[in-house]
């Protein structure tokens, strides 16, 4: 394709798609509205502009003459999906990744994302372009740069070491329009609690990792609204968390080798597993319920990266054709460097730790701890869009029902973001972000992958358009 034709195709896919009808009627469909109600058969959902104008039985909804009608007999309608942990600028340079990232999200029915750390110079104009209709994409909520200790774990980061820096950085980020503040793992205790105080003063929520020097209970009590990746959770469930924290920060031998550092890490993780206490877990869960502390477990990340177990994230995965080769090359380097230190017993240990994490997540769900589905895309082998469907399957494997997993990617995020009045369920007056499926996700949550069409803020993206998005992402990936 020459340069002009490539531009024309990109404009068609990302700028305008197919002409939008002002009124769209999805008829004879089974609605799973994510309110918690059971499936409702032979329904009509009427969409006017970007809003749901009517939801009712087929015979009870009047369809305007000019409406585009989709006969959805045998199909299922759910709210558009939300990935509550992505990094849109994390797969490359600040302006990279959107040419494959955004199409993969939309093609997988993801209509909203929570960006958990990225470059504001890219995220701000990207969100503006999507809002102005210049580019097709999900609605984006973002944190901007991380707040972390020195040296920071990831970029972009603002280093916070005291109360003055905490106050200034939180205020600056609020002025720049971030939706929440993201904290990272190596913050000092003083810096972390100063950030919490500054966030309260600025009336903005803060989310992220539980820093290594802070306990999960302290983070919950400080008002941290969400905990990502279950950081600090298993440690808080141990019979002797203070001991584990001391050992975590004890100085190791002089001039440690990679092998000795790895062996030390594995020994600490064995203690973490052996010291698990159901009593302490119950106390932690009660604290989360009391404080309304949300959990974003990103089980796919724990499976693929932190707790790899068997190589389920295979370099031969056919989905890798959608990821630029420059990125998959970096993923492979990371994997080879890490895996050469692991023994069979190390993999077995981390498989057990993953199982324990899934157990505590099931207990949280049963006790009323609110849960969001997120993936950490595009971490190594966590492929944007597709990863959320894998995450939903892992949530069900952990003990959630298909409905609970579905709500973790629909209603719950809207609630978390304060948008439940306008988003998250299929109800009159809400934004028309919808996903039409060929099979029932309550029978098998993996049926969320059987997508017939996506409605993005009232605009129909049919199977032809979705296939075009995938083709565009694959073409970009093969050239980069």
Protein backbone atom coordinates (compact mmCIF):
# COMPACT_ATOMS: atom_id res chain seq x y z
CA UNK A 1 0.00 0.00 0.00
CA UNK A 2 1.45 3.38 -0.96
CA UNK A 3 1.70 6.18 1.54
CA UNK A 4 -1.49 7.91 0.33
CA UNK A 5 -3.57 4.73 0.46
CA UNK A 6 -2.20 3.89 3.93
CA UNK A 7 -3.27 7.33 5.14
CA UNK A 8 -6.73 6.94 3.58
CA UNK A 9 -7.24 3.53 5.23
CA UNK A 10 -6.08 4.82 8.59
CA UNK A 11 -8.43 7.79 8.35
CA UNK A 12 -11.38 5.52 7.49
CA UNK A 13 -10.68 3.20 10.42
CA UNK A 14 -9.71 5.71 13.05
CA UNK A 15 -11.32 8.96 12.00
CA UNK A 16 -14.80 8.23 10.79
CA UNK A 17 -15.59 4.52 10.33
CA UNK A 18 -18.96 3.84 8.71
CA UNK A 19 -21.53 6.65 8.58
CA UNK A 20 -23.38 6.77 11.89
CA UNK A 21 -27.15 6.50 11.99
CA UNK A 22 -28.83 8.82 14.43
CA UNK A 23 -31.07 5.97 15.61
CA UNK A 24 -30.03 2.34 15.99
CA UNK A 25 -32.32 -0.50 17.11
CA UNK A 26 -30.99 -3.86 18.28
CA UNK A 27 -34.00 -6.19 18.20
CA UNK A 28 -34.85 -9.70 19.44
CA UNK A 29 -31.68 -9.74 21.54
CA UNK A 30 -31.04 -11.27 24.95
CA UNK A 31 -29.90 -8.46 27.24
CA UNK A 32 -27.45 -9.06 30.07
CA UNK A 33 -27.53 -5.58 31.57
CA UNK A 34 -24.86 -6.09 34.29
CA UNK A 35 -27.16 -4.75 37.01
CA UNK A 36 -27.19 -8.23 38.49
CA UNK A 37 -30.49 -9.20 36.92
CA UNK A 38 -30.71 -12.38 34.88
CA UNK A 39 -30.73 -12.46 31.07
CA UNK A 40 -33.78 -10.85 29.44
CA UNK A 41 -34.82 -12.52 26.18
CA UNK A 42 -36.42 -11.00 23.05
CA UNK A 43 -35.57 -7.43 23.97
CA UNK A 44 -35.14 -4.27 21.91
CA UNK A 45 -32.51 -1.69 22.77
CA UNK A 46 -33.02 1.64 21.02
CA UNK A 47 -30.05 3.98 20.66
CA UNK A 48 -30.49 7.65 19.76
CA UNK A 49 -27.24 9.49 19.20
CA UNK A 50 -24.84 8.31 21.88
CA UNK A 51 -27.50 7.39 24.46
CA UNK A 52 -29.74 4.41 25.16
CA UNK A 53 -33.23 5.71 24.41
CA UNK A 54 -35.27 2.61 25.30
CA UNK A 55 -34.86 -0.89 26.69
CA UNK A 56 -37.87 -3.19 26.61
CA UNK A 57 -39.60 -6.21 25.16
CA UNK A 58 -39.74 -6.26 21.37
CA UNK A 59 -43.46 -5.53 21.24
CA UNK A 60 -43.23 -2.65 23.73
CA UNK A 61 -40.61 -0.47 22.02
CA UNK A 62 -41.62 1.76 19.12
CA UNK A 63 -38.89 1.85 16.47
CA UNK A 64 -38.63 5.03 14.34
CA UNK A 65 -38.85 4.62 10.57
CA UNK A 66 -35.37 6.01 9.99
CA UNK A 67 -33.69 3.62 12.43
CA UNK A 68 -30.99 1.19 11.41
CA UNK A 69 -32.25 -2.18 12.63
CA UNK A 70 -30.03 -5.06 13.71
CA UNK A 71 -31.93 -8.34 14.03
CA UNK A 72 -30.03 -9.99 16.89
CA UNK A 73 -31.95 -13.23 17.31
CA UNK A 74 -29.81 -15.75 19.16
CA UNK A 75 -27.33 -13.08 20.26
CA UNK A 76 -26.49 -11.44 23.57
CA UNK A 77 -26.00 -7.77 24.43
CA UNK A 78 -23.73 -6.69 27.29
CA UNK A 79 -22.24 -3.32 28.27
CA UNK A 80 -18.97 -2.31 26.65
CA UNK A 81 -15.96 -3.67 28.52
CA UNK A 82 -13.52 -1.69 30.67
CA UNK A 83 -9.86 -2.55 31.15
CA UNK A 84 -9.05 -0.93 34.48
CA UNK A 85 -5.28 -1.21 34.21
CA UNK A 86 -3.48 -0.35 30.99
CA UNK A 87 -0.46 1.71 29.94
CA UNK A 88 -1.22 3.23 26.55
CA UNK A 89 2.25 4.76 26.28
CA UNK A 90 4.06 1.94 28.05
CA UNK A 91 4.89 -0.27 25.06
CA UNK A 92 7.39 2.10 23.51
CA UNK A 93 8.18 5.77 23.11
CA UNK A 94 5.59 8.27 24.38
CA UNK A 95 3.78 8.47 21.03
CA UNK A 96 4.14 4.81 20.08
CA UNK A 97 1.72 1.92 20.55
CA UNK A 98 -1.54 3.74 19.75
CA UNK A 99 -1.48 2.47 16.15
CA UNK A 100 -1.77 -1.09 17.38
CA UNK A 101 -3.01 -0.58 20.95
CA UNK A 102 -6.25 1.32 20.27
CA UNK A 103 -7.46 -0.89 17.40
CA UNK A 104 -6.90 -4.03 19.51
CA UNK A 105 -8.89 -2.55 22.39
CA UNK A 106 -11.86 -1.63 20.20
CA UNK A 107 -11.80 -4.91 18.28
CA UNK A 108 -12.08 -6.69 21.63
CA UNK A 109 -15.06 -4.66 22.80
CA UNK A 110 -13.18 -2.41 25.22
CA UNK A 111 -14.86 0.99 25.24
CA UNK A 112 -13.20 2.50 28.34
CA UNK A 113 -9.74 2.22 29.90
CA UNK A 114 -8.05 3.36 33.07
CA UNK A 115 -4.48 4.32 32.13
CA UNK A 116 -2.34 3.62 35.17
CA UNK A 117 0.81 5.57 34.34
CA UNK A 118 1.97 7.29 31.19
CA UNK A 119 3.15 10.38 29.38
CA UNK A 120 0.73 13.27 29.68
CA UNK A 121 2.15 14.92 26.57
CA UNK A 122 0.73 11.96 24.65
CA UNK A 123 -2.33 11.05 26.73
CA UNK A 124 -3.85 14.53 26.89
CA UNK A 125 -4.02 15.11 23.10
CA UNK A 126 -5.03 11.49 22.51
CA UNK A 127 -8.00 11.83 24.84
CA UNK A 128 -8.90 15.15 23.24
CA UNK A 129 -8.79 13.66 19.73
CA UNK A 130 -11.07 10.80 20.81
CA UNK A 131 -13.50 13.18 22.52
CA UNK A 132 -13.57 15.44 19.45
CA UNK A 133 -14.23 12.51 17.12
CA UNK A 134 -10.92 12.85 15.28
CA UNK A 135 -9.89 9.31 16.23
CA UNK A 136 -11.80 6.20 17.21
CA UNK A 137 -10.83 5.02 20.65
CA UNK A 138 -12.08 4.12 24.10
CA UNK A 139 -12.81 6.71 26.74
CA UNK A 140 -9.59 7.26 28.69
CA UNK A 141 -9.13 8.03 32.37
CA UNK A 142 -5.49 8.55 33.34
CA UNK A 143 -3.03 9.13 36.14
CA UNK A 144 -0.11 10.61 34.22
CA UNK A 145 3.37 10.05 35.68
CA UNK A 146 3.91 7.78 38.67
CA UNK A 147 4.89 9.11 42.09
CA UNK A 148 7.82 7.00 43.29
CA UNK A 149 11.03 6.97 45.28
CA UNK A 150 14.55 7.30 43.95
CA UNK A 151 15.54 5.83 41.61
CA UNK A 152 12.01 5.28 40.28
CA UNK A 153 10.97 1.84 39.08
CA UNK A 154 9.48 3.05 35.79
CA UNK A 155 9.18 6.12 33.64
CA UNK A 156 7.57 8.58 33.48
CA UNK A 157 7.90 9.24 37.22
CA UNK A 158 8.07 12.12 39.64
CA UNK A 159 10.39 11.38 42.55
CA UNK A 160 8.81 12.21 45.92
CA UNK A 161 10.97 12.16 49.04
CA UNK A 162 9.22 14.57 51.40
CA UNK A 163 6.00 16.39 52.16
CA UNK A 164 6.84 19.49 50.13
CA UNK A 165 7.47 17.46 46.98
CA UNK A 166 4.33 15.42 47.61
CA UNK A 167 2.19 18.55 47.92
CA UNK A 168 3.70 20.23 44.87
CA UNK A 169 3.54 17.16 42.63
CA UNK A 170 -0.03 16.23 43.53
CA UNK A 171 -1.16 19.83 43.00
CA UNK A 172 0.62 20.05 39.64
CA UNK A 173 -0.93 16.80 38.41
CA UNK A 174 -4.39 17.95 39.45
CA UNK A 175 -3.84 21.18 37.50
CA UNK A 176 -2.83 19.09 34.48
CA UNK A 177 -6.15 17.27 34.56
CA UNK A 178 -5.31 13.79 35.83
CA UNK A 179 -8.19 11.68 37.11
CA UNK A 180 -6.27 10.10 40.01
CA UNK A 181 -2.78 9.87 41.49
CA UNK A 182 -0.70 6.68 41.01
CA UNK A 183 1.75 5.63 43.75
CA UNK A 184 4.59 3.17 43.21
CA UNK A 185 6.52 0.59 45.21
CA UNK A 186 9.67 2.26 46.46
CA UNK A 187 8.17 5.35 48.05
CA UNK A 188 9.32 5.95 51.61
CA UNK A 189 6.71 5.83 54.36
CA UNK A 190 6.93 9.59 54.92
CA UNK A 191 6.53 10.34 51.22
CA UNK A 192 3.61 7.92 50.85
CA UNK A 193 1.59 9.35 53.74
CA UNK A 194 2.38 12.88 52.56
CA UNK A 195 0.93 11.97 49.16
CA UNK A 196 -2.18 10.59 50.85
CA UNK A 197 -2.57 13.84 52.77
CA UNK A 198 -2.02 15.96 49.66
CA UNK A 199 -4.57 13.90 47.70
CA UNK A 200 -7.19 14.48 50.40
CA UNK A 201 -6.47 18.19 50.35
CA UNK A 202 -6.81 18.29 46.55
CA UNK A 203 -9.97 16.14 46.62
CA UNK A 204 -8.51 13.54 44.29
CA UNK A 205 -8.24 9.79 44.78
CA UNK A 206 -4.93 7.98 44.83
CA UNK A 207 -4.37 4.44 43.64
CA UNK A 208 -1.57 2.04 42.79
CA UNK A 209 0.90 -0.26 44.46
CA UNK A 210 1.18 -0.73 48.18
CA UNK A 211 4.74 0.54 48.68
CA UNK A 212 7.20 -2.01 50.06
CA UNK A 213 7.62 -0.08 53.31
CA UNK A 214 3.88 0.31 53.92
CA UNK A 215 1.45 -2.43 54.92
CA UNK A 216 -1.73 -3.13 53.00
CA UNK A 217 -3.78 -2.27 56.10
CA UNK A 218 -2.00 1.08 56.42
CA UNK A 219 -2.65 1.80 52.73
CA UNK A 220 -6.33 0.98 53.15
CA UNK A 221 -6.61 3.13 56.26
CA UNK A 222 -4.80 5.99 54.48
CA UNK A 223 -7.54 6.07 51.85
CA UNK A 224 -5.82 4.42 48.90
CA UNK A 225 -8.81 3.70 46.70
CA UNK A 226 -7.45 0.76 44.72
CA UNK A 227 -4.61 -1.70 45.14
CA UNK A 228 -3.09 -3.02 41.94
CA UNK A 229 -1.69 -6.54 41.39
CA UNK A 230 -2.53 -7.54 44.99
CA UNK A 231 0.69 -5.78 46.04
CA UNK A 232 1.33 -6.28 49.74
CA UNK A 233 -1.76 -8.47 50.13
CA UNK A 234 -0.17 -11.90 50.64
CA UNK A 235 2.41 -10.35 52.95
CA UNK A 236 -0.42 -8.84 55.00
CA UNK A 237 -2.00 -12.30 55.23
CA UNK A 238 1.06 -13.79 56.91
CA UNK A 239 1.26 -14.76 60.55
CA UNK A 240 4.27 -12.45 61.02
CA UNK A 241 4.22 -9.54 58.57
CA UNK A 242 6.77 -7.45 60.57
CA UNK A 243 9.31 -10.28 60.24
CA UNK A 244 8.75 -10.56 56.50
CA UNK A 245 9.19 -6.80 56.13
CA UNK A 246 12.45 -6.87 58.10
CA UNK A 247 13.77 -9.70 55.98
CA UNK A 248 12.69 -7.93 52.82
CA UNK A 249 14.96 -4.99 53.61
CA UNK A 250 17.87 -6.73 55.30
CA UNK A 251 21.18 -5.97 53.64
CA UNK A 252 22.35 -8.91 51.59
CA UNK A 253 25.92 -10.11 51.10
CA UNK A 254 28.49 -7.77 49.63
CA UNK A 255 28.81 -7.94 45.86
CA UNK A 256 25.77 -10.16 45.33
CA UNK A 257 25.46 -12.06 42.07
CA UNK A 258 22.26 -12.41 40.05
CA UNK A 259 22.06 -16.03 41.18
CA UNK A 260 22.46 -15.20 44.87
CA UNK A 261 19.90 -12.41 44.70
CA UNK A 262 17.47 -14.77 42.99
CA UNK A 263 18.01 -17.48 45.60
CA UNK A 264 17.36 -14.98 48.36
CA UNK A 265 14.15 -13.83 46.69
CA UNK A 266 12.93 -17.41 46.32
CA UNK A 267 13.60 -18.15 49.98
CA UNK A 268 11.59 -15.08 51.02
CA UNK A 269 8.71 -16.15 48.81
CA UNK A 270 8.75 -19.63 50.36
CA UNK A 271 8.36 -18.01 53.76
CA UNK A 272 5.56 -15.86 52.37
CA UNK A 273 3.69 -18.98 51.31
CA UNK A 274 4.40 -20.98 54.45
CA UNK A 275 3.32 -18.16 56.79
CA UNK A 276 -0.11 -17.66 55.22
CA UNK A 277 -2.77 -17.27 57.92
CA UNK A 278 -6.50 -17.55 57.27
CA UNK A 279 -7.09 -15.50 60.43
CA UNK A 280 -4.88 -12.65 59.23
CA UNK A 281 -6.46 -12.86 55.76
CA UNK A 282 -9.93 -12.51 57.27
CA UNK A 283 -8.80 -9.46 59.26
CA UNK A 284 -7.33 -7.85 56.15
CA UNK A 285 -10.47 -8.48 54.12
CA UNK A 286 -12.61 -6.95 56.87
CA UNK A 287 -10.42 -3.84 56.70
CA UNK A 288 -10.83 -3.61 52.93
CA UNK A 289 -14.60 -3.93 53.25
CA UNK A 290 -14.73 -1.29 55.99
CA UNK A 291 -12.64 1.20 54.00
CA UNK A 292 -14.05 0.37 50.57
CA UNK A 293 -10.62 -0.53 49.20
CA UNK A 294 -10.91 -1.80 45.63
CA UNK A 295 -8.72 -4.56 44.22
CA UNK A 296 -7.39 -4.81 40.65
CA UNK A 297 -5.67 -8.20 40.77
CA UNK A 298 -4.35 -8.34 37.16
CA UNK A 299 -4.19 -12.12 37.42
CA UNK A 300 -2.92 -12.40 33.87
CA UNK A 301 0.15 -10.39 34.87
CA UNK A 302 0.72 -12.56 37.93
CA UNK A 303 0.39 -15.64 35.74
CA UNK A 304 2.59 -14.40 32.90
CA UNK A 305 5.22 -12.44 34.74
CA UNK A 306 5.34 -12.50 38.51
CA UNK A 307 4.20 -16.12 38.80
CA UNK A 308 5.01 -17.65 35.42
CA UNK A 309 4.53 -21.32 36.26
CA UNK A 310 4.28 -23.20 32.99
CA UNK A 311 5.02 -21.15 29.90
CA UNK A 312 1.43 -20.14 29.14
CA UNK A 313 2.73 -16.94 27.57
CA UNK A 314 4.42 -18.74 24.68
CA UNK A 315 6.57 -16.84 22.16
CA UNK A 316 4.67 -18.81 19.50
CA UNK A 317 1.31 -17.33 20.55
CA UNK A 318 -0.48 -16.39 17.29
CA UNK A 319 -1.75 -13.20 18.93
CA UNK A 320 1.80 -11.86 18.85
CA UNK A 321 1.24 -11.03 15.17
CA UNK A 322 -0.64 -7.98 16.39
CA UNK A 323 2.31 -6.64 18.41
CA UNK A 324 5.19 -4.75 16.75
CA UNK A 325 8.33 -6.86 16.40
CA UNK A 326 10.42 -4.24 18.19
CA UNK A 327 8.23 -4.79 21.25
CA UNK A 328 8.09 -8.60 21.10
CA UNK A 329 11.87 -8.59 20.76
CA UNK A 330 12.17 -6.70 24.04
CA UNK A 331 9.67 -9.06 25.69
CA UNK A 332 11.74 -12.05 24.63
CA UNK A 333 14.92 -10.52 26.04
CA UNK A 334 13.21 -9.93 29.39
CA UNK A 335 11.88 -13.48 29.46
CA UNK A 336 15.19 -15.14 28.57
CA UNK A 337 17.11 -13.10 31.15
CA UNK A 338 14.67 -13.95 33.91
CA UNK A 339 13.91 -17.56 33.15
CA UNK A 340 17.51 -18.70 33.00
CA UNK A 341 17.68 -18.29 36.80
CA UNK A 342 14.53 -20.30 37.54
CA UNK A 343 14.54 -23.94 38.50
CA UNK A 344 11.62 -26.34 38.31
CA UNK A 345 11.04 -25.90 42.05
CA UNK A 346 11.03 -22.11 41.64
CA UNK A 347 8.29 -22.36 39.03
CA UNK A 348 6.37 -24.71 41.27
CA UNK A 349 6.63 -22.24 44.15
CA UNK A 350 5.28 -19.39 42.08
CA UNK A 351 2.47 -21.55 40.79
CA UNK A 352 1.49 -22.11 44.42
CA UNK A 353 1.73 -18.39 45.12
CA UNK A 354 -0.58 -17.71 42.18
CA UNK A 355 -3.05 -20.25 43.56
CA UNK A 356 -2.89 -18.58 46.97
CA UNK A 357 -3.50 -15.19 45.38
CA UNK A 358 -6.54 -16.56 43.58
CA UNK A 359 -7.80 -18.06 46.84
CA UNK A 360 -7.59 -14.75 48.69
CA UNK A 361 -9.30 -13.02 45.75
CA UNK A 362 -12.19 -15.47 45.96
CA UNK A 363 -12.49 -14.76 49.68
CA UNK A 364 -12.52 -11.04 48.96
CA UNK A 365 -15.31 -11.40 46.41
CA UNK A 366 -17.38 -13.48 48.83
CA UNK A 367 -16.90 -10.89 51.57
CA UNK A 368 -17.84 -7.86 49.50
CA UNK A 369 -14.46 -6.38 48.56
CA UNK A 370 -15.06 -4.56 45.24
CA UNK A 371 -13.05 -5.91 42.30
CA UNK A 372 -12.05 -4.44 38.94
CA UNK A 373 -10.79 -6.36 35.91
CA UNK A 374 -7.46 -5.05 34.63
CA UNK A 375 -4.54 -6.46 32.69
CA UNK A 376 -1.45 -4.18 32.83
CA UNK A 377 -1.33 -4.19 29.02
CA UNK A 378 1.17 -3.95 27.40
CA UNK A 379 3.44 -5.65 29.93
CA UNK A 380 5.42 -8.54 28.40
CA UNK A 381 3.08 -11.02 26.74
CA UNK A 382 0.01 -9.16 28.00
CA UNK A 383 -1.51 -8.34 24.63
CA UNK A 384 -3.88 -5.35 24.57
CA UNK A 385 -7.55 -6.16 24.18
CA UNK A 386 -7.23 -9.93 24.09
CA UNK A 387 -5.74 -9.90 27.60
CA UNK A 388 -8.96 -8.65 29.18
CA UNK A 389 -10.86 -11.72 27.98
CA UNK A 390 -8.10 -13.87 29.44
CA UNK A 391 -8.37 -11.94 32.70
CA UNK A 392 -12.11 -12.60 32.89
CA UNK A 393 -11.45 -16.32 32.48
CA UNK A 394 -8.84 -16.19 35.27
CA UNK A 395 -11.28 -14.38 37.56
CA UNK A 396 -13.77 -17.20 37.03
CA UNK A 397 -11.02 -19.75 37.64
CA UNK A 398 -10.31 -17.91 40.90
CA UNK A 399 -13.89 -18.48 42.04
CA UNK A 400 -15.94 -15.57 40.71
CA UNK A 401 -19.11 -16.40 38.84
CA UNK A 402 -19.29 -15.37 35.17
CA UNK A 403 -21.69 -12.59 36.17
CA UNK A 404 -19.32 -11.34 38.87
CA UNK A 405 -16.42 -11.38 36.42
CA UNK A 406 -18.53 -9.54 33.84
CA UNK A 407 -19.50 -6.87 36.35
CA UNK A 408 -15.80 -6.44 37.23
CA UNK A 409 -15.36 -5.21 33.65
CA UNK A 410 -18.61 -3.24 33.26
CA UNK A 411 -20.65 -1.98 36.19
CA UNK A 412 -17.88 -1.98 38.80
CA UNK A 413 -15.51 0.32 36.86
CA UNK A 414 -18.33 2.81 36.27
CA UNK A 415 -19.00 2.77 40.01
CA UNK A 416 -15.30 3.22 40.81
CA UNK A 417 -14.99 6.14 38.40
CA UNK A 418 -18.12 7.85 39.72
CA UNK A 419 -19.90 7.35 36.38
CA UNK A 420 -22.54 4.80 37.35
CA UNK A 421 -25.36 7.22 36.55
CA UNK A 422 -24.25 7.36 32.92
CA UNK A 423 -22.23 4.21 32.24
CA UNK A 424 -21.62 0.58 33.10
CA UNK A 425 -25.04 -1.04 32.58
CA UNK A 426 -27.67 -1.29 29.86
CA UNK A 427 -30.34 1.11 31.12
CA UNK A 428 -32.38 4.00 29.82
CA UNK A 429 -30.39 7.23 29.46
CA UNK A 430 -26.94 5.68 29.73
CA UNK A 431 -24.12 6.06 27.23
CA UNK A 432 -24.50 3.53 24.42
CA UNK A 433 -21.30 1.53 24.88
CA UNK A 434 -22.38 -2.01 24.04
CA UNK A 435 -21.06 -5.38 22.94
CA UNK A 436 -23.09 -7.80 20.80
CA UNK A 437 -22.04 -11.43 21.27
CA UNK A 438 -22.79 -14.62 19.38
CA UNK A 439 -22.93 -16.71 22.58
CA UNK A 440 -23.95 -16.36 26.22
CA UNK A 441 -21.08 -15.18 28.48
CA UNK A 442 -22.93 -16.46 31.54
CA UNK A 443 -22.65 -20.01 30.19
CA UNK A 444 -18.93 -19.53 29.57
CA UNK A 445 -17.24 -16.20 30.25
CA UNK A 446 -14.88 -16.83 27.35
CA UNK A 447 -17.87 -16.18 25.09
CA UNK A 448 -17.07 -12.47 25.56
CA UNK A 449 -14.57 -13.12 22.73
CA UNK A 450 -17.34 -14.07 20.28
CA UNK A 451 -18.00 -10.49 19.21
CA UNK A 452 -20.45 -9.71 16.44
CA UNK A 453 -20.42 -5.92 16.83
CA UNK A 454 -19.41 -3.08 19.13
CA UNK A 455 -21.42 0.06 19.75
CA UNK A 456 -19.05 2.86 20.75
CA UNK A 457 -20.88 5.90 22.12
CA UNK A 458 -23.75 5.15 19.76
CA UNK A 459 -21.61 4.38 16.71
CA UNK A 460 -21.93 0.88 15.27
CA UNK A 461 -18.69 -0.97 14.58
CA UNK A 462 -19.82 -4.12 12.84
CA UNK A 463 -17.76 -7.25 12.22
CA UNK A 464 -16.35 -5.82 9.01
CA UNK A 465 -15.06 -2.74 10.81
CA UNK A 466 -13.67 -4.80 13.70
CA UNK A 467 -11.83 -7.07 11.27
CA UNK A 468 -10.46 -3.95 9.60
CA UNK A 469 -9.13 -2.73 12.94
CA UNK A 470 -7.37 -6.07 13.50
CA UNK A 471 -5.93 -5.99 10.00
CA UNK A 472 -4.67 -2.45 10.54
CA UNK A 473 -2.98 -3.42 13.82
CA UNK A 474 -1.39 -6.47 12.21
CA UNK A 475 -0.09 -4.41 9.26
CA UNK A 476 1.41 -1.84 11.63
CA UNK A 477 2.97 -4.60 13.77
CA UNK A 478 4.58 -6.35 10.81
CA UNK A 479 6.15 -3.06 9.64
CA UNK A 480 7.52 -2.13 13.05
